[in-house]
Amino acid sequence: MNNNPSPFDASTPATTAKKVEDAAVVKVNRDTISTLLLAATAGVFIGLAFVFYVVVTAGGSALPYGLNKLIGGLCFSLGLMLVVILGGELFTSTVLTITARASKRVSTKALMRNWGLVYLGNFIGAMVLVGLMISAKHYEAGHGLIGLGYLQTAQAKMHHTFGQAFALGIMCNVMVCLAVWMAYAGRTVTDKLLAVVLPVAMFVAAGFEHCIANMFLIPMAIFTKQVATPDFWANAGIDPSQFADLTWSQFILHNLVPVTLGNIVGGAIFVGLTYWFVYRRPALAKAHNDNQA
């Protein structure tokens, strides 16, 4: 029997579940500064992916709706590629650490602390990128077409009901966590990159909601509205009053809160605990029984 499988063979589902859980233990026990720094980089990565999305979809109204969204989604997958390969801590995939809690390898307190630190770090990274992009006046690119892309994309996210935003958050993080789970099964960089592309492209094209992406996009739109000159609005041919509801309170209450809750349910329960129940629970039960024998 060959005990040294080829490095090009993907892990089995059961092996992948164990890898996810082992990684979760490492993540939860990582020191505070490292966690915050890795989370901040992930916030920047996802923000950069949204910049890419806005640039490539700006002015794409002549294309069929679905094709324009697909192109944007494929570009947006850059964000998760960077996170997976470079080891960033992204809140939406960090919720998979619930597998380690289910196996009683970490405490609830440690788990919640990790989630809080990652969420905070993601927000810091997203806001740093917002500051840089506003300082660079990126919203003026394309004679205001890029800024209009930020504004209109953000505006569309502000009119979901709480239930809609929650459901869209669930569906988004099902796809994100399935992408990350598949990446754990890969043995090469190429495997991992390919694993994340289509799930991310799908959730973006479908209009699902990602709390960390929105931490960049909506503040970017809010600040663009605040600092844009009359020339910007004239070039864009838009009345700024159309974006009156792009405010911090609207963002937090009508988007960030329900989307975050939905992301937790979609990733932690629909993906993490589902696969833990199928693959890890029987393995742990068998190990327990063997120890009792």
C-alpha atoms as a PDB file:
ATOM      1  CA  MET A   1       0.000   0.000   0.000  1.00  0.00           C
ATOM      2  CA  ASN A   2       1.230   3.492  -0.869  1.00  0.00           C
ATOM      3  CA  ASN A   3       1.442   5.499   2.353  1.00  0.00           C
ATOM      4  CA  ASN A   4       2.683   8.599   0.543  1.00  0.00           C
ATOM      5  CA  PRO A   5      -0.181   9.862  -1.609  1.00  0.00           C
ATOM      6  CA  SER A   6       0.648  12.190  -4.441  1.00  0.00           C
ATOM      7  CA  PRO A   7       0.704  15.865  -3.442  1.00  0.00           C
ATOM      8  CA  PHE A   8      -1.597  16.425  -6.386  1.00  0.00           C
ATOM      9  CA  ASP A   9      -4.369  14.252  -4.925  1.00  0.00           C
ATOM     10  CA  ALA A  10      -7.095  16.255  -3.219  1.00  0.00           C
ATOM     11  CA  SER A  11      -7.993  15.408   0.366  1.00  0.00           C
ATOM     12  CA  THR A  12     -11.039  13.255   1.014  1.00  0.00           C
ATOM     13  CA  PRO A  13     -14.093  14.973   2.538  1.00  0.00           C
ATOM     14  CA  ALA A  14     -13.359  13.426   5.946  1.00  0.00           C
ATOM     15  CA  THR A  15      -9.712  14.480   5.815  1.00  0.00           C
ATOM     16  CA  THR A  16     -10.710  17.960   4.747  1.00  0.00           C
ATOM     17  CA  ALA A  17     -13.081  18.262   7.701  1.00  0.00           C
ATOM     18  CA  LYS A  18     -10.219  17.352  10.026  1.00  0.00           C
ATOM     19  CA  LYS A  19      -7.946  19.918   8.349  1.00  0.00           C
ATOM     20  CA  VAL A  20     -10.585  22.630   8.781  1.00  0.00           C
ATOM     21  CA  GLU A  21     -10.936  21.784  12.475  1.00  0.00           C
ATOM     22  CA  ASP A  22      -7.180  21.660  13.084  1.00  0.00           C
ATOM     23  CA  ALA A  23      -6.766  25.028  11.390  1.00  0.00           C
ATOM     24  CA  ALA A  24      -9.614  26.395  13.503  1.00  0.00           C
ATOM     25  CA  VAL A  25      -7.753  25.511  16.713  1.00  0.00           C
ATOM     26  CA  VAL A  26      -4.685  27.378  15.466  1.00  0.00           C
ATOM     27  CA  LYS A  27      -6.749  30.408  14.479  1.00  0.00           C
ATOM     28  CA  VAL A  28      -8.603  30.652  17.783  1.00  0.00           C
ATOM     29  CA  ASN A  29      -5.361  30.368  19.786  1.00  0.00           C
ATOM     30  CA  ARG A  30      -3.376  32.872  17.725  1.00  0.00           C
ATOM     31  CA  ASP A  31      -2.141  35.941  19.615  1.00  0.00           C
ATOM     32  CA  THR A  32      -4.165  39.167  19.507  1.00  0.00           C
ATOM     33  CA  ILE A  33      -1.796  41.322  17.447  1.00  0.00           C
ATOM     34  CA  SER A  34      -1.259  38.673  14.785  1.00  0.00           C
ATOM     35  CA  THR A  35      -4.994  38.059  14.532  1.00  0.00           C
ATOM     36  CA  LEU A  36      -5.752  41.767  14.139  1.00  0.00           C
ATOM     37  CA  LEU A  37      -3.031  42.259  11.521  1.00  0.00           C
ATOM     38  CA  LEU A  38      -4.137  39.236   9.473  1.00  0.00           C
ATOM     39  CA  ALA A  39      -7.747  40.404   9.755  1.00  0.00           C
ATOM     40  CA  ALA A  40      -6.833  43.930   8.663  1.00  0.00           C
ATOM     41  CA  THR A  41      -5.055  42.565   5.582  1.00  0.00           C
ATOM     42  CA  ALA A  42      -8.123  40.473   4.756  1.00  0.00           C
ATOM     43  CA  GLY A  43     -10.311  43.579   5.038  1.00  0.00           C
ATOM     44  CA  VAL A  44      -8.019  45.314   2.555  1.00  0.00           C
ATOM     45  CA  PHE A  45      -8.037  42.292   0.216  1.00  0.00           C
ATOM     46  CA  ILE A  46     -11.827  42.142   0.077  1.00  0.00           C
ATOM     47  CA  GLY A  47     -11.999  45.911  -0.415  1.00  0.00           C
ATOM     48  CA  LEU A  48      -9.533  45.678  -3.304  1.00  0.00           C
ATOM     49  CA  ALA A  49     -11.714  42.985  -4.838  1.00  0.00           C
ATOM     50  CA  PHE A  50     -14.664  45.367  -4.701  1.00  0.00           C
ATOM     51  CA  VAL A  51     -12.573  48.092  -6.350  1.00  0.00           C
ATOM     52  CA  PHE A  52     -11.828  45.584  -9.128  1.00  0.00           C
ATOM     53  CA  TYR A  53     -15.536  44.744  -9.372  1.00  0.00           C
ATOM     54  CA  VAL A  54     -16.617  48.388  -9.650  1.00  0.00           C
ATOM     55  CA  VAL A  55     -13.960  49.214 -12.250  1.00  0.00           C
ATOM     56  CA  VAL A  56     -14.768  46.314 -14.581  1.00  0.00           C
ATOM     57  CA  THR A  57     -18.553  46.690 -14.322  1.00  0.00           C
ATOM     58  CA  ALA A  58     -18.653  50.481 -14.625  1.00  0.00           C
ATOM     59  CA  GLY A  59     -20.399  51.486 -17.806  1.00  0.00           C
ATOM     60  CA  GLY A  60     -21.315  47.895 -18.541  1.00  0.00           C
ATOM     61  CA  SER A  61     -25.025  48.544 -18.947  1.00  0.00           C
ATOM     62  CA  ALA A  62     -24.767  47.708 -22.645  1.00  0.00           C
ATOM     63  CA  LEU A  63     -23.926  44.120 -21.719  1.00  0.00           C
ATOM     64  CA  PRO A  64     -26.581  41.601 -20.712  1.00  0.00           C
ATOM     65  CA  TYR A  65     -27.250  41.946 -16.975  1.00  0.00           C
ATOM     66  CA  GLY A  66     -26.044  38.461 -16.101  1.00  0.00           C
ATOM     67  CA  LEU A  67     -22.872  38.693 -18.162  1.00  0.00           C
ATOM     68  CA  ASN A  68     -21.873  42.005 -16.571  1.00  0.00           C
ATOM     69  CA  LYS A  69     -22.439  40.499 -13.107  1.00  0.00           C
ATOM     70  CA  LEU A  70     -20.465  37.369 -14.014  1.00  0.00           C
ATOM     71  CA  ILE A  71     -17.483  39.419 -15.152  1.00  0.00           C
ATOM     72  CA  GLY A  72     -17.623  41.412 -11.916  1.00  0.00           C
ATOM     73  CA  GLY A  73     -17.938  38.241  -9.842  1.00  0.00           C
ATOM     74  CA  LEU A  74     -14.936  36.611 -11.471  1.00  0.00           C
ATOM     75  CA  CYS A  75     -12.879  39.719 -10.717  1.00  0.00           C
ATOM     76  CA  PHE A  76     -14.184  39.880  -7.138  1.00  0.00           C
ATOM     77  CA  SER A  77     -12.865  36.356  -6.511  1.00  0.00           C
ATOM     78  CA  LEU A  78      -9.411  37.962  -6.303  1.00  0.00           C
ATOM     79  CA  GLY A  79     -10.247  38.933  -2.710  1.00  0.00           C
ATOM     80  CA  LEU A  80     -10.765  35.399  -1.437  1.00  0.00           C
ATOM     81  CA  MET A  81      -7.809  34.175  -3.478  1.00  0.00           C
ATOM     82  CA  LEU A  82      -5.558  36.582  -1.583  1.00  0.00           C
ATOM     83  CA  VAL A  83      -7.088  35.610   1.759  1.00  0.00           C
ATOM     84  CA  VAL A  84      -6.720  31.867   1.171  1.00  0.00           C
ATOM     85  CA  ILE A  85      -3.182  31.908  -0.213  1.00  0.00           C
ATOM     86  CA  LEU A  86      -1.730  34.597   2.064  1.00  0.00           C
ATOM     87  CA  GLY A  87      -3.439  33.450   5.250  1.00  0.00           C
ATOM     88  CA  GLY A  88      -5.678  36.440   5.949  1.00  0.00           C
ATOM     89  CA  GLU A  89      -8.325  36.190   8.659  1.00  0.00           C
ATOM     90  CA  LEU A  90     -11.714  36.915   7.103  1.00  0.00           C
ATOM     91  CA  PHE A  91     -14.735  36.970   9.400  1.00  0.00           C
ATOM     92  CA  THR A  92     -17.030  35.199   6.967  1.00  0.00           C
ATOM     93  CA  SER A  93     -14.737  32.178   6.790  1.00  0.00           C
ATOM     94  CA  THR A  94     -13.532  32.509  10.384  1.00  0.00           C
ATOM     95  CA  VAL A  95     -16.983  31.361  11.539  1.00  0.00           C
ATOM     96  CA  LEU A  96     -15.903  27.870  10.430  1.00  0.00           C
ATOM     97  CA  THR A  97     -13.902  27.770  13.668  1.00  0.00           C
ATOM     98  CA  ILE A  98     -17.164  26.642  15.239  1.00  0.00           C
ATOM     99  CA  THR A  99     -16.052  23.139  14.212  1.00  0.00           C
ATOM    100  CA  ALA A 100     -13.300  23.273  16.837  1.00  0.00           C
ATOM    101  CA  ARG A 101     -15.845  24.329  19.459  1.00  0.00           C
ATOM    102  CA  ALA A 102     -18.171  21.484  18.446  1.00  0.00           C
ATOM    103  CA  SER A 103     -15.300  19.067  19.066  1.00  0.00           C
ATOM    104  CA  LYS A 104     -14.614  20.783  22.423  1.00  0.00           C
ATOM    105  CA  ARG A 105     -11.092  21.738  21.417  1.00  0.00           C
ATOM    106  CA  VAL A 106     -11.636  25.453  22.171  1.00  0.00           C
ATOM    107  CA  SER A 107     -13.873  27.280  24.619  1.00  0.00           C
ATOM    108  CA  THR A 108     -16.881  29.405  23.751  1.00  0.00           C
ATOM    109  CA  LYS A 109     -15.139  32.432  25.256  1.00  0.00           C
ATOM    110  CA  ALA A 110     -12.046  31.928  23.098  1.00  0.00           C
ATOM    111  CA  LEU A 111     -14.219  31.419  20.013  1.00  0.00           C
ATOM    112  CA  MET A 112     -16.209  34.618  20.571  1.00  0.00           C
ATOM    113  CA  ARG A 113     -13.033  36.570  21.294  1.00  0.00           C
ATOM    114  CA  ASN A 114     -11.541  35.380  18.008  1.00  0.00           C
ATOM    115  CA  TRP A 115     -14.659  36.276  16.039  1.00  0.00           C
ATOM    116  CA  GLY A 116     -14.716  39.737  17.603  1.00  0.00           C
ATOM    117  CA  LEU A 117     -11.048  40.412  16.876  1.00  0.00           C
ATOM    118  CA  VAL A 118     -11.357  39.282  13.268  1.00  0.00           C
ATOM    119  CA  TYR A 119     -14.502  41.358  12.697  1.00  0.00           C
ATOM    120  CA  LEU A 120     -12.773  44.412  14.159  1.00  0.00           C
ATOM    121  CA  GLY A 121      -9.607  43.820  12.147  1.00  0.00           C
ATOM    122  CA  ASN A 122     -11.593  43.410   8.922  1.00  0.00           C
ATOM    123  CA  PHE A 123     -13.337  46.722   9.600  1.00  0.00           C
ATOM    124  CA  ILE A 124     -10.035  48.478  10.279  1.00  0.00           C
ATOM    125  CA  GLY A 125      -8.549  47.158   7.037  1.00  0.00           C
ATOM    126  CA  ALA A 126     -11.622  48.112   5.028  1.00  0.00           C
ATOM    127  CA  MET A 127     -11.608  51.642   6.431  1.00  0.00           C
ATOM    128  CA  VAL A 128      -7.887  52.076   5.768  1.00  0.00           C
ATOM    129  CA  LEU A 129      -8.535  51.223   2.125  1.00  0.00           C
ATOM    130  CA  VAL A 130     -11.513  53.599   2.023  1.00  0.00           C
ATOM    131  CA  GLY A 131      -9.249  56.374   3.292  1.00  0.00           C
ATOM    132  CA  LEU A 132      -6.644  55.635   0.651  1.00  0.00           C
ATOM    133  CA  MET A 133      -9.157  55.452  -2.198  1.00  0.00           C
ATOM    134  CA  ILE A 134     -10.888  58.658  -1.132  1.00  0.00           C
ATOM    135  CA  SER A 135      -7.515  60.416  -0.800  1.00  0.00           C
ATOM    136  CA  ALA A 136      -6.612  59.205  -4.290  1.00  0.00           C
ATOM    137  CA  LYS A 137      -9.970  60.561  -5.544  1.00  0.00           C
ATOM    138  CA  HIS A 138     -10.590  57.232  -7.221  1.00  0.00           C
ATOM    139  CA  TYR A 139     -14.269  58.085  -7.430  1.00  0.00           C
ATOM    140  CA  GLU A 140     -13.412  60.679 -10.108  1.00  0.00           C
ATOM    141  CA  ALA A 141     -11.963  58.056 -12.477  1.00  0.00           C
ATOM    142  CA  GLY A 142     -13.742  57.566 -15.770  1.00  0.00           C
ATOM    143  CA  HIS A 143     -15.237  61.057 -15.572  1.00  0.00           C
ATOM    144  CA  GLY A 144     -17.073  60.059 -12.413  1.00  0.00           C
ATOM    145  CA  LEU A 145     -18.207  56.685 -13.718  1.00  0.00           C
ATOM    146  CA  ILE A 146     -16.302  54.823 -10.986  1.00  0.00           C
ATOM    147  CA  GLY A 147     -17.749  56.979  -8.212  1.00  0.00           C
ATOM    148  CA  LEU A 148     -21.195  56.463  -9.654  1.00  0.00           C
ATOM    149  CA  GLY A 149     -20.523  52.726  -9.576  1.00  0.00           C
ATOM    150  CA  TYR A 150     -19.722  52.877  -5.861  1.00  0.00           C
ATOM    151  CA  LEU A 151     -22.805  54.989  -5.150  1.00  0.00           C
ATOM    152  CA  GLN A 152     -25.292  52.970  -7.161  1.00  0.00           C
ATOM    153  CA  THR A 153     -24.009  49.592  -5.972  1.00  0.00           C
ATOM    154  CA  ALA A 154     -24.163  50.731  -2.344  1.00  0.00           C
ATOM    155  CA  GLN A 155     -27.575  52.318  -2.829  1.00  0.00           C
ATOM    156  CA  ALA A 156     -29.019  49.040  -4.082  1.00  0.00           C
ATOM    157  CA  LYS A 157     -27.919  47.346  -0.857  1.00  0.00           C
ATOM    158  CA  MET A 158     -29.775  49.821   1.375  1.00  0.00           C
ATOM    159  CA  HIS A 159     -33.293  48.854   0.367  1.00  0.00           C
ATOM    160  CA  HIS A 160     -33.538  45.241   1.526  1.00  0.00           C
ATOM    161  CA  THR A 161     -35.864  44.403   4.376  1.00  0.00           C
ATOM    162  CA  PHE A 162     -34.190  42.915   7.446  1.00  0.00           C
ATOM    163  CA  GLY A 163     -35.374  39.453   6.393  1.00  0.00           C
ATOM    164  CA  GLN A 164     -34.098  39.875   2.842  1.00  0.00           C
ATOM    165  CA  ALA A 165     -30.677  41.061   3.987  1.00  0.00           C
ATOM    166  CA  PHE A 166     -30.491  38.199   6.493  1.00  0.00           C
ATOM    167  CA  ALA A 167     -31.377  35.588   3.843  1.00  0.00           C
ATOM    168  CA  LEU A 168     -28.963  37.096   1.306  1.00  0.00           C
ATOM    169  CA  GLY A 169     -26.275  37.001   4.001  1.00  0.00           C
ATOM    170  CA  ILE A 170     -26.945  33.303   4.618  1.00  0.00           C
ATOM    171  CA  MET A 171     -26.668  32.439   0.934  1.00  0.00           C
ATOM    172  CA  CYS A 172     -23.515  34.509   0.494  1.00  0.00           C
ATOM    173  CA  ASN A 173     -21.626  32.791   3.264  1.00  0.00           C
ATOM    174  CA  VAL A 174     -22.761  29.344   2.251  1.00  0.00           C
ATOM    175  CA  MET A 175     -20.908  29.988  -0.991  1.00  0.00           C
ATOM    176  CA  VAL A 176     -17.885  31.650   0.651  1.00  0.00           C
ATOM    177  CA  CYS A 177     -17.433  28.859   3.201  1.00  0.00           C
ATOM    178  CA  LEU A 178     -17.932  26.146   0.592  1.00  0.00           C
ATOM    179  CA  ALA A 179     -15.175  27.851  -1.414  1.00  0.00           C
ATOM    180  CA  VAL A 180     -12.852  27.938   1.604  1.00  0.00           C
ATOM    181  CA  TRP A 181     -13.732  24.348   2.548  1.00  0.00           C
ATOM    182  CA  MET A 182     -12.851  23.182  -0.972  1.00  0.00           C
ATOM    183  CA  ALA A 183      -9.615  25.171  -0.814  1.00  0.00           C
ATOM    184  CA  TYR A 184      -8.644  23.147   2.275  1.00  0.00           C
ATOM    185  CA  ALA A 185      -9.043  20.012   0.128  1.00  0.00           C
ATOM    186  CA  GLY A 186      -6.507  21.256  -2.408  1.00  0.00           C
ATOM    187  CA  ARG A 187      -2.826  20.402  -2.170  1.00  0.00           C
ATOM    188  CA  THR A 188      -1.398  23.031  -4.521  1.00  0.00           C
ATOM    189  CA  VAL A 189      -1.782  26.782  -4.925  1.00  0.00           C
ATOM    190  CA  THR A 190      -3.530  26.174  -8.237  1.00  0.00           C
ATOM    191  CA  ASP A 191      -6.033  23.830  -6.570  1.00  0.00           C
ATOM    192  CA  LYS A 192      -6.887  26.438  -3.972  1.00  0.00           C
ATOM    193  CA  LEU A 193      -7.231  29.282  -6.474  1.00  0.00           C
ATOM    194  CA  LEU A 194      -9.539  27.300  -8.731  1.00  0.00           C
ATOM    195  CA  ALA A 195     -11.643  26.182  -5.772  1.00  0.00           C
ATOM    196  CA  VAL A 196     -12.637  29.705  -4.792  1.00  0.00           C
ATOM    197  CA  VAL A 197     -13.401  31.261  -8.181  1.00  0.00           C
ATOM    198  CA  LEU A 198     -16.832  29.952  -9.128  1.00  0.00           C
ATOM    199  CA  PRO A 199     -18.467  29.996  -5.664  1.00  0.00           C
ATOM    200  CA  VAL A 200     -17.412  33.631  -5.226  1.00  0.00           C
ATOM    201  CA  ALA A 201     -18.416  34.569  -8.759  1.00  0.00           C
ATOM    202  CA  MET A 202     -21.779  32.929  -8.151  1.00  0.00           C
ATOM    203  CA  PHE A 203     -22.595  34.806  -4.940  1.00  0.00           C
ATOM    204  CA  VAL A 204     -21.539  38.141  -6.414  1.00  0.00           C
ATOM    205  CA  ALA A 205     -23.449  37.612  -9.656  1.00  0.00           C
ATOM    206  CA  ALA A 206     -26.537  36.563  -7.703  1.00  0.00           C
ATOM    207  CA  GLY A 207     -26.430  39.678  -5.511  1.00  0.00           C
ATOM    208  CA  PHE A 208     -25.876  37.901  -2.196  1.00  0.00           C
ATOM    209  CA  GLU A 209     -24.624  40.005   0.723  1.00  0.00           C
ATOM    210  CA  HIS A 210     -21.148  39.856   2.308  1.00  0.00           C
ATOM    211  CA  CYS A 211     -20.691  41.895   5.491  1.00  0.00           C
ATOM    212  CA  ILE A 212     -16.967  42.543   5.065  1.00  0.00           C
ATOM    213  CA  ALA A 213     -17.284  43.561   1.420  1.00  0.00           C
ATOM    214  CA  ASN A 214     -20.009  45.970   2.492  1.00  0.00           C
ATOM    215  CA  MET A 215     -17.696  47.389   5.184  1.00  0.00           C
ATOM    216  CA  PHE A 216     -15.654  48.768   2.298  1.00  0.00           C
ATOM    217  CA  LEU A 217     -18.254  49.501  -0.349  1.00  0.00           C
ATOM    218  CA  ILE A 218     -20.886  51.373   1.609  1.00  0.00           C
ATOM    219  CA  PRO A 219     -18.484  53.627   3.590  1.00  0.00           C
ATOM    220  CA  MET A 220     -16.718  54.293   0.271  1.00  0.00           C
ATOM    221  CA  ALA A 221     -20.024  55.434  -1.190  1.00  0.00           C
ATOM    222  CA  ILE A 222     -20.896  57.483   1.905  1.00  0.00           C
ATOM    223  CA  PHE A 223     -17.579  59.347   1.819  1.00  0.00           C
ATOM    224  CA  THR A 224     -17.798  59.773  -1.956  1.00  0.00           C
ATOM    225  CA  LYS A 225     -21.168  61.448  -1.513  1.00  0.00           C
ATOM    226  CA  GLN A 226     -19.713  63.743   1.147  1.00  0.00           C
ATOM    227  CA  VAL A 227     -16.544  64.850  -0.640  1.00  0.00           C
ATOM    228  CA  ALA A 228     -17.609  64.836  -4.306  1.00  0.00           C
ATOM    229  CA  THR A 229     -17.488  68.264  -5.963  1.00  0.00           C
ATOM    230  CA  PRO A 230     -20.278  69.851  -8.020  1.00  0.00           C
ATOM    231  CA  ASP A 231     -18.223  69.003 -11.119  1.00  0.00           C
ATOM    232  CA  PHE A 232     -18.369  65.318 -10.181  1.00  0.00           C
ATOM    233  CA  TRP A 233     -22.166  65.369  -9.979  1.00  0.00           C
ATOM    234  CA  ALA A 234     -22.393  67.344 -13.204  1.00  0.00           C
ATOM    235  CA  ASN A 235     -20.135  64.915 -15.074  1.00  0.00           C
ATOM    236  CA  ALA A 236     -22.069  61.952 -13.697  1.00  0.00           C
ATOM    237  CA  GLY A 237     -25.372  63.593 -14.571  1.00  0.00           C
ATOM    238  CA  ILE A 238     -26.779  62.695 -11.164  1.00  0.00           C
ATOM    239  CA  ASP A 239     -28.543  64.693  -8.448  1.00  0.00           C
ATOM    240  CA  PRO A 240     -26.812  63.918  -5.102  1.00  0.00           C
ATOM    241  CA  SER A 241     -30.190  63.961  -3.351  1.00  0.00           C
ATOM    242  CA  GLN A 242     -30.823  60.559  -4.921  1.00  0.00           C
ATOM    243  CA  PHE A 243     -28.352  59.143  -2.392  1.00  0.00           C
ATOM    244  CA  ALA A 244     -29.760  60.812   0.720  1.00  0.00           C
ATOM    245  CA  ASP A 245     -30.248  57.447   2.444  1.00  0.00           C
ATOM    246  CA  LEU A 246     -26.543  56.576   2.200  1.00  0.00           C
ATOM    247  CA  THR A 247     -25.885  57.234   5.884  1.00  0.00           C
ATOM    248  CA  TRP A 248     -24.045  55.398   8.653  1.00  0.00           C
ATOM    249  CA  SER A 249     -27.229  54.596  10.550  1.00  0.00           C
ATOM    250  CA  GLN A 250     -28.893  53.174   7.436  1.00  0.00           C
ATOM    251  CA  PHE A 251     -25.784  51.152   6.676  1.00  0.00           C
ATOM    252  CA  ILE A 252     -25.495  49.628  10.149  1.00  0.00           C
ATOM    253  CA  LEU A 253     -29.177  48.962  10.852  1.00  0.00           C
ATOM    254  CA  HIS A 254     -30.444  48.024   7.401  1.00  0.00           C
ATOM    255  CA  ASN A 255     -27.435  46.192   6.028  1.00  0.00           C
ATOM    256  CA  LEU A 256     -24.498  45.418   8.297  1.00  0.00           C
ATOM    257  CA  VAL A 257     -26.418  43.910  11.230  1.00  0.00           C
ATOM    258  CA  PRO A 258     -28.755  41.574   9.301  1.00  0.00           C
ATOM    259  CA  VAL A 259     -26.075  40.615   6.779  1.00  0.00           C
ATOM    260  CA  THR A 260     -23.569  39.791   9.523  1.00  0.00           C
ATOM    261  CA  LEU A 261     -26.121  37.604  11.302  1.00  0.00           C
ATOM    262  CA  GLY A 262     -26.961  35.881   8.029  1.00  0.00           C
ATOM    263  CA  ASN A 263     -23.291  35.321   7.251  1.00  0.00           C
ATOM    264  CA  ILE A 264     -22.833  33.656  10.650  1.00  0.00           C
ATOM    265  CA  VAL A 265     -25.777  31.313  10.107  1.00  0.00           C
ATOM    266  CA  GLY A 266     -24.767  30.471   6.533  1.00  0.00           C
ATOM    267  CA  GLY A 267     -21.134  29.750   7.319  1.00  0.00           C
ATOM    268  CA  ALA A 268     -21.164  28.395  10.862  1.00  0.00           C
ATOM    269  CA  ILE A 269     -24.350  26.326  10.722  1.00  0.00           C
ATOM    270  CA  PHE A 270     -25.146  25.512   7.091  1.00  0.00           C
ATOM    271  CA  VAL A 271     -21.536  24.640   6.232  1.00  0.00           C
ATOM    272  CA  GLY A 272     -19.381  24.253   9.355  1.00  0.00           C
ATOM    273  CA  LEU A 273     -21.693  22.319  11.649  1.00  0.00           C
ATOM    274  CA  THR A 274     -23.241  20.362   8.775  1.00  0.00           C
ATOM    275  CA  TYR A 275     -19.922  18.871   7.706  1.00  0.00           C
ATOM    276  CA  TRP A 276     -18.781  18.507  11.313  1.00  0.00           C
ATOM    277  CA  PHE A 277     -21.892  16.438  12.020  1.00  0.00           C
ATOM    278  CA  VAL A 278     -21.382  14.238   8.958  1.00  0.00           C
ATOM    279  CA  TYR A 279     -17.624  13.675   9.161  1.00  0.00           C
ATOM    280  CA  ARG A 280     -16.190  14.675  12.534  1.00  0.00           C
ATOM    281  CA  ARG A 281     -18.935  13.543  14.931  1.00  0.00           C
ATOM    282  CA  PRO A 282     -18.687   9.845  13.901  1.00  0.00           C
ATOM    283  CA  ALA A 283     -14.870   9.984  14.022  1.00  0.00           C
ATOM    284  CA  LEU A 284     -14.926  11.492  17.514  1.00  0.00           C
ATOM    285  CA  ALA A 285     -17.504   8.944  18.675  1.00  0.00           C
ATOM    286  CA  LYS A 286     -15.350   6.102  17.337  1.00  0.00           C
ATOM    287  CA  ALA A 287     -12.244   7.474  19.048  1.00  0.00           C
ATOM    288  CA  HIS A 288     -14.191   7.765  22.316  1.00  0.00           C
ATOM    289  CA  ASN A 289     -15.455   4.186  22.063  1.00  0.00           C
ATOM    290  CA  ASP A 290     -11.965   2.892  21.268  1.00  0.00           C
ATOM    291  CA  ASN A 291     -10.621   4.623  24.380  1.00  0.00           C
ATOM    292  CA  GLN A 292     -13.369   3.043  26.490  1.00  0.00           C
ATOM    293  CA  ALA A 293     -12.636  -0.445  25.179  1.00  0.00           C
END
